[in-house]
């Protein structure tokens, strides 16, 4: 589960942790949709802009991207559009969440999130 600790809203109840090379590389590519209660969580070894940048090649639908620093504080968010080559956070991040576009309404920059496995 992903919960916004700042406003007590549930962001997603079904969470997939992408922590292997294959799962991180696959992400949401070649899928046709993502459910509103579903999200993928990616974890990097350190805070970075380049390590947490993404592409949208072969992702056929818009998704929300939320970037978090090491303390799980939201540092940036964006609605990522299909087949765009590059999205990166404005500030270094260690975590990023890919989810349904509706989750963007549930978080603001500066909010703290809880990521449960």
C-alpha atoms as a PDB file:
ATOM      1  CA  UNK A   1       0.000   0.000   0.000  1.00  0.00           C
ATOM      2  CA  UNK A   2       1.064   3.579  -0.628  1.00  0.00           C
ATOM      3  CA  UNK A   3      -0.321   6.180   1.755  1.00  0.00           C
ATOM      4  CA  UNK A   4       0.108   9.931   1.832  1.00  0.00           C
ATOM      5  CA  UNK A   5       1.041  10.652   5.455  1.00  0.00           C
ATOM      6  CA  UNK A   6       0.463  14.382   4.989  1.00  0.00           C
ATOM      7  CA  UNK A   7      -3.236  14.156   4.106  1.00  0.00           C
ATOM      8  CA  UNK A   8      -4.006  10.506   5.088  1.00  0.00           C
ATOM      9  CA  UNK A   9      -5.145   9.550   1.576  1.00  0.00           C
ATOM     10  CA  UNK A  10      -4.517   6.083   0.171  1.00  0.00           C
ATOM     11  CA  UNK A  11      -2.612   6.389  -3.113  1.00  0.00           C
ATOM     12  CA  UNK A  12      -2.651   2.711  -4.140  1.00  0.00           C
ATOM     13  CA  UNK A  13      -3.553  -0.595  -2.510  1.00  0.00           C
ATOM     14  CA  UNK A  14      -1.883  -2.949  -5.024  1.00  0.00           C
ATOM     15  CA  UNK A  15       1.842  -2.217  -5.183  1.00  0.00           C
ATOM     16  CA  UNK A  16       4.488  -3.989  -7.233  1.00  0.00           C
ATOM     17  CA  UNK A  17       8.099  -3.371  -6.226  1.00  0.00           C
ATOM     18  CA  UNK A  18      10.403  -3.196  -9.229  1.00  0.00           C
ATOM     19  CA  UNK A  19      13.774  -4.044  -7.748  1.00  0.00           C
ATOM     20  CA  UNK A  20      15.288  -6.441 -10.288  1.00  0.00           C
ATOM     21  CA  UNK A  21      16.916  -5.511 -13.575  1.00  0.00           C
ATOM     22  CA  UNK A  22      14.127  -7.198 -15.542  1.00  0.00           C
ATOM     23  CA  UNK A  23      11.210  -5.732 -13.562  1.00  0.00           C
ATOM     24  CA  UNK A  24      12.742  -2.259 -13.657  1.00  0.00           C
ATOM     25  CA  UNK A  25      13.360  -2.458 -17.381  1.00  0.00           C
ATOM     26  CA  UNK A  26       9.867  -3.706 -18.114  1.00  0.00           C
ATOM     27  CA  UNK A  27       7.881  -1.324 -15.885  1.00  0.00           C
ATOM     28  CA  UNK A  28       4.614  -0.630 -17.715  1.00  0.00           C
ATOM     29  CA  UNK A  29       5.905  -1.176 -21.249  1.00  0.00           C
ATOM     30  CA  UNK A  30       3.611  -3.124 -23.551  1.00  0.00           C
ATOM     31  CA  UNK A  31       0.723  -2.990 -21.078  1.00  0.00           C
ATOM     32  CA  UNK A  32      -2.579  -1.506 -22.195  1.00  0.00           C
ATOM     33  CA  UNK A  33      -3.763   0.038 -18.903  1.00  0.00           C
ATOM     34  CA  UNK A  34      -3.178   0.404 -15.183  1.00  0.00           C
ATOM     35  CA  UNK A  35      -5.925   0.118 -12.579  1.00  0.00           C
ATOM     36  CA  UNK A  36      -6.694   3.087 -10.304  1.00  0.00           C
ATOM     37  CA  UNK A  37      -5.603   1.139  -7.187  1.00  0.00           C
ATOM     38  CA  UNK A  38      -2.355  -0.159  -8.725  1.00  0.00           C
ATOM     39  CA  UNK A  39       1.162   1.319  -8.664  1.00  0.00           C
ATOM     40  CA  UNK A  40       4.740   0.319  -9.337  1.00  0.00           C
ATOM     41  CA  UNK A  41       7.536   1.446  -6.992  1.00  0.00           C
ATOM     42  CA  UNK A  42      11.118   1.761  -8.220  1.00  0.00           C
ATOM     43  CA  UNK A  43      14.027   2.165  -5.796  1.00  0.00           C
ATOM     44  CA  UNK A  44      17.499   3.417  -6.676  1.00  0.00           C
ATOM     45  CA  UNK A  45      20.635   2.995  -4.581  1.00  0.00           C
ATOM     46  CA  UNK A  46      21.016   6.757  -4.033  1.00  0.00           C
ATOM     47  CA  UNK A  47      19.300  10.055  -4.788  1.00  0.00           C
ATOM     48  CA  UNK A  48      19.837  11.087  -8.392  1.00  0.00           C
ATOM     49  CA  UNK A  49      18.140  12.875 -11.272  1.00  0.00           C
ATOM     50  CA  UNK A  50      19.617  10.657 -13.984  1.00  0.00           C
ATOM     51  CA  UNK A  51      18.995   7.320 -12.232  1.00  0.00           C
ATOM     52  CA  UNK A  52      15.326   8.156 -11.729  1.00  0.00           C
ATOM     53  CA  UNK A  53      14.615   9.476 -15.223  1.00  0.00           C
ATOM     54  CA  UNK A  54      12.183   7.460 -17.330  1.00  0.00           C
ATOM     55  CA  UNK A  55      11.064   7.034 -20.926  1.00  0.00           C
ATOM     56  CA  UNK A  56       7.588   6.264 -22.211  1.00  0.00           C
ATOM     57  CA  UNK A  57       8.503   4.193 -25.265  1.00  0.00           C
ATOM     58  CA  UNK A  58       5.945   1.400 -25.747  1.00  0.00           C
ATOM     59  CA  UNK A  59       3.757   2.660 -22.918  1.00  0.00           C
ATOM     60  CA  UNK A  60       0.385   3.123 -24.612  1.00  0.00           C
ATOM     61  CA  UNK A  61      -1.435   5.269 -22.042  1.00  0.00           C
ATOM     62  CA  UNK A  62      -0.667   8.279 -19.807  1.00  0.00           C
ATOM     63  CA  UNK A  63       0.613   7.549 -16.308  1.00  0.00           C
ATOM     64  CA  UNK A  64       1.419   9.498 -13.162  1.00  0.00           C
ATOM     65  CA  UNK A  65       5.037   9.652 -12.039  1.00  0.00           C
ATOM     66  CA  UNK A  66       5.806  10.729  -8.479  1.00  0.00           C
ATOM     67  CA  UNK A  67       9.437  11.137  -7.445  1.00  0.00           C
ATOM     68  CA  UNK A  68      10.489  10.872  -3.780  1.00  0.00           C
ATOM     69  CA  UNK A  69      13.742  11.641  -2.004  1.00  0.00           C
ATOM     70  CA  UNK A  70      15.454   9.276   0.459  1.00  0.00           C
ATOM     71  CA  UNK A  71      13.020  10.333   3.232  1.00  0.00           C
ATOM     72  CA  UNK A  72      10.072   9.539   0.912  1.00  0.00           C
ATOM     73  CA  UNK A  73       9.172  13.202   0.535  1.00  0.00           C
ATOM     74  CA  UNK A  74       7.641  14.132  -2.841  1.00  0.00           C
ATOM     75  CA  UNK A  75      10.141  16.189  -4.850  1.00  0.00           C
ATOM     76  CA  UNK A  76       8.315  16.218  -8.203  1.00  0.00           C
ATOM     77  CA  UNK A  77       5.360  14.770 -10.078  1.00  0.00           C
ATOM     78  CA  UNK A  78       4.201  14.699 -13.688  1.00  0.00           C
ATOM     79  CA  UNK A  79       1.612  13.242 -16.036  1.00  0.00           C
ATOM     80  CA  UNK A  80       3.765  11.236 -18.456  1.00  0.00           C
ATOM     81  CA  UNK A  81       2.403  10.850 -21.982  1.00  0.00           C
ATOM     82  CA  UNK A  82       2.853   7.803 -24.261  1.00  0.00           C
ATOM     83  CA  UNK A  83       5.981   7.502 -26.396  1.00  0.00           C
ATOM     84  CA  UNK A  84       7.763  10.544 -24.923  1.00  0.00           C
ATOM     85  CA  UNK A  85      11.529  10.027 -24.752  1.00  0.00           C
ATOM     86  CA  UNK A  86      12.410  11.520 -21.375  1.00  0.00           C
ATOM     87  CA  UNK A  87      11.002  12.559 -18.016  1.00  0.00           C
ATOM     88  CA  UNK A  88      13.208  13.450 -15.055  1.00  0.00           C
ATOM     89  CA  UNK A  89      12.580  14.995 -11.641  1.00  0.00           C
ATOM     90  CA  UNK A  90      13.445  18.622 -10.955  1.00  0.00           C
ATOM     91  CA  UNK A  91      15.378  17.524  -7.842  1.00  0.00           C
ATOM     92  CA  UNK A  92      17.290  14.308  -7.080  1.00  0.00           C
ATOM     93  CA  UNK A  93      15.080  11.367  -6.095  1.00  0.00           C
ATOM     94  CA  UNK A  94      15.693   7.867  -4.777  1.00  0.00           C
ATOM     95  CA  UNK A  95      12.217   6.437  -5.331  1.00  0.00           C
ATOM     96  CA  UNK A  96       9.634   6.899  -8.042  1.00  0.00           C
ATOM     97  CA  UNK A  97       6.088   5.655  -8.335  1.00  0.00           C
ATOM     98  CA  UNK A  98       4.285   4.916 -11.583  1.00  0.00           C
ATOM     99  CA  UNK A  99       0.512   4.803 -11.316  1.00  0.00           C
ATOM    100  CA  UNK A 100      -2.884   5.794 -12.628  1.00  0.00           C
ATOM    101  CA  UNK A 101      -3.139   9.505 -13.533  1.00  0.00           C
ATOM    102  CA  UNK A 102      -5.717  10.036 -10.751  1.00  0.00           C
ATOM    103  CA  UNK A 103      -3.031   9.690  -8.071  1.00  0.00           C
ATOM    104  CA  UNK A 104      -1.602  13.072  -9.059  1.00  0.00           C
ATOM    105  CA  UNK A 105      -4.590  14.695  -7.341  1.00  0.00           C
ATOM    106  CA  UNK A 106      -3.722  12.907  -4.087  1.00  0.00           C
ATOM    107  CA  UNK A 107      -0.167  14.224  -3.664  1.00  0.00           C
ATOM    108  CA  UNK A 108       1.594  17.571  -3.613  1.00  0.00           C
ATOM    109  CA  UNK A 109       5.265  18.422  -3.681  1.00  0.00           C
ATOM    110  CA  UNK A 110       6.508  18.288  -0.088  1.00  0.00           C
ATOM    111  CA  UNK A 111       4.075  15.552   1.033  1.00  0.00           C
ATOM    112  CA  UNK A 112       5.525  12.491   2.795  1.00  0.00           C
ATOM    113  CA  UNK A 113       4.479   9.057   1.574  1.00  0.00           C
ATOM    114  CA  UNK A 114       4.552   5.660   3.238  1.00  0.00           C
ATOM    115  CA  UNK A 115       5.523   2.785   0.953  1.00  0.00           C
ATOM    116  CA  UNK A 116       4.527  -0.646   2.257  1.00  0.00           C
ATOM    117  CA  UNK A 117       5.467  -3.933   0.639  1.00  0.00           C
END
